[in-house]
Protein backbone atom coordinates (compact mmCIF):
# COMPACT_ATOMS: atom_id res chain seq x y z
CA UNK A 1 -39.34 -2.66 20.08
CA UNK A 2 -38.77 -6.41 20.73
CA UNK A 3 -35.73 -7.96 19.30
CA UNK A 4 -33.84 -4.73 18.66
CA UNK A 5 -30.89 -3.52 20.56
CA UNK A 6 -28.92 -0.53 20.55
CA UNK A 7 -25.48 -0.54 18.72
CA UNK A 8 -24.32 2.46 20.76
CA UNK A 9 -22.76 5.64 19.40
CA UNK A 10 -21.24 5.43 15.90
CA UNK A 11 -17.33 5.44 15.81
CA UNK A 12 -15.93 8.74 14.67
CA UNK A 13 -12.65 8.63 12.85
CA UNK A 14 -10.11 11.28 13.81
CA UNK A 15 -7.11 12.50 11.73
CA UNK A 16 -6.56 12.76 8.06
CA UNK A 17 -7.27 10.02 5.61
CA UNK A 18 -4.48 8.96 3.39
CA UNK A 19 -5.01 7.64 -0.20
CA UNK A 20 -1.90 7.40 -2.38
CA UNK A 21 -2.34 5.94 -5.95
CA UNK A 22 0.25 5.96 -8.77
CA UNK A 23 1.01 4.20 -12.06
CA UNK A 24 4.32 3.09 -13.41
CA UNK A 25 4.86 2.42 -17.03
CA UNK A 26 8.10 1.14 -18.40
CA UNK A 27 10.62 -1.64 -18.96
CA UNK A 28 13.08 -1.10 -16.21
CA UNK A 29 14.76 -4.17 -14.77
CA UNK A 30 15.74 -2.32 -11.44
CA UNK A 31 13.18 -1.43 -8.81
CA UNK A 32 11.25 1.84 -9.33
CA UNK A 33 8.96 3.52 -6.84
CA UNK A 34 5.35 2.71 -7.68
CA UNK A 35 3.80 4.47 -4.69
CA UNK A 36 4.92 5.60 -1.27
CA UNK A 37 3.68 7.32 1.94
CA UNK A 38 5.70 8.98 4.58
CA UNK A 39 4.02 9.61 7.86
CA UNK A 40 4.09 13.31 8.67
CA UNK A 41 6.19 14.95 11.38
CA UNK A 42 4.43 14.76 14.76
CA UNK A 43 1.84 12.35 13.41
CA UNK A 44 1.12 8.64 13.99
CA UNK A 45 0.20 6.65 10.95
CA UNK A 46 -2.30 3.87 10.75
CA UNK A 47 -1.69 1.79 7.56
CA UNK A 48 -4.80 0.09 6.26
CA UNK A 49 -3.98 -1.48 2.98
CA UNK A 50 -1.50 -1.92 0.12
CA UNK A 51 -2.73 -2.81 -3.34
CA UNK A 52 -1.06 -3.72 -6.63
CA UNK A 53 -2.00 -4.68 -10.10
CA UNK A 54 -0.15 -5.23 -13.44
CA UNK A 55 -1.05 -5.58 -17.06
CA UNK A 56 1.55 -8.29 -17.28
CA UNK A 57 1.65 -10.18 -13.97
CA UNK A 58 4.14 -12.85 -15.37
CA UNK A 59 6.63 -10.06 -16.07
CA UNK A 60 6.30 -7.88 -13.00
CA UNK A 61 8.18 -8.18 -9.71
CA UNK A 62 6.97 -6.43 -6.54
CA UNK A 63 8.84 -5.19 -3.53
CA UNK A 64 7.23 -3.87 -0.25
CA UNK A 65 8.98 -2.14 2.54
CA UNK A 66 7.24 -0.90 5.61
CA UNK A 67 9.05 1.37 8.18
CA UNK A 68 12.49 0.20 6.82
CA UNK A 69 11.63 -3.56 7.00
CA UNK A 70 11.43 -5.34 3.73
CA UNK A 71 8.24 -7.46 3.70
CA UNK A 72 9.00 -9.10 0.33
CA UNK A 73 10.97 -8.67 -2.81
CA UNK A 74 10.99 -10.25 -6.37
CA UNK A 75 7.54 -11.50 -5.91
CA UNK A 76 5.33 -12.34 -8.94
CA UNK A 77 1.56 -12.41 -8.33
CA UNK A 78 -1.08 -13.89 -10.55
CA UNK A 79 -3.85 -11.44 -10.05
CA UNK A 80 -4.56 -8.01 -8.41
CA UNK A 81 -3.58 -8.19 -4.79
CA UNK A 82 -4.81 -6.20 -1.71
CA UNK A 83 -2.90 -6.63 1.49
CA UNK A 84 -4.88 -5.41 4.68
CA UNK A 85 -2.84 -4.21 7.55
CA UNK A 86 -5.26 -3.92 10.58
CA UNK A 87 -3.75 -2.36 13.65
CA UNK A 88 -0.62 -1.43 12.06
CA UNK A 89 0.87 1.77 13.78
CA UNK A 90 3.61 3.84 12.14
CA UNK A 91 5.78 6.36 13.76
CA UNK A 92 6.50 9.94 12.42
CA UNK A 93 8.85 9.73 9.34
CA UNK A 94 8.15 6.02 8.71
CA UNK A 95 7.85 5.22 4.97
CA UNK A 96 5.56 2.69 3.29
CA UNK A 97 7.11 2.05 -0.23
CA UNK A 98 5.74 -0.27 -2.95
CA UNK A 99 8.33 -0.76 -5.84
CA UNK A 100 7.95 -2.64 -9.06
CA UNK A 101 10.20 -3.80 -11.96
CA UNK A 102 10.04 -5.78 -15.17
CA UNK A 103 11.59 -9.16 -14.88
CA UNK A 104 13.25 -9.01 -18.27
CA UNK A 105 12.88 -5.74 -20.02
CA UNK A 106 9.28 -6.28 -21.13
CA UNK A 107 7.15 -3.05 -21.04
CA UNK A 108 4.81 -3.25 -18.09
CA UNK A 109 1.92 -1.02 -16.65
CA UNK A 110 1.49 -1.28 -12.96
CA UNK A 111 -0.88 0.58 -10.53
CA UNK A 112 -0.38 0.66 -6.83
CA UNK A 113 -2.15 2.20 -3.86
CA UNK A 114 -1.68 2.79 -0.12
CA UNK A 115 -4.50 3.69 2.18
CA UNK A 116 -4.36 4.75 5.79
CA UNK A 117 -4.81 7.53 8.32
CA UNK A 118 -2.58 10.02 10.08
CA UNK A 119 -3.64 11.28 13.49
């Protein structure tokens, strides 16, 4: 047909999809694990996205650590946040850790998710 071109073969994803989701509810003023992912032994991790949302944004601090490197801490956000990580390879045993805390002891409800793939 005129004007149509082949897009080639579809890309096939290999490995195991990772979807970690968790909720924290409390009033702790020290960081608590919201959600984490540890890349399996003998696997390579591909981090895709980290997302966070709170019922009380003004009273919630977030901290994100990837493979032992703190990306940020004590950050307030104004709305739900999704951070894409294209082309982010992780080694076996590397940890993606999203933590949260209340800024002043106010009760908060926080959801977090991590998506990726292990190959």
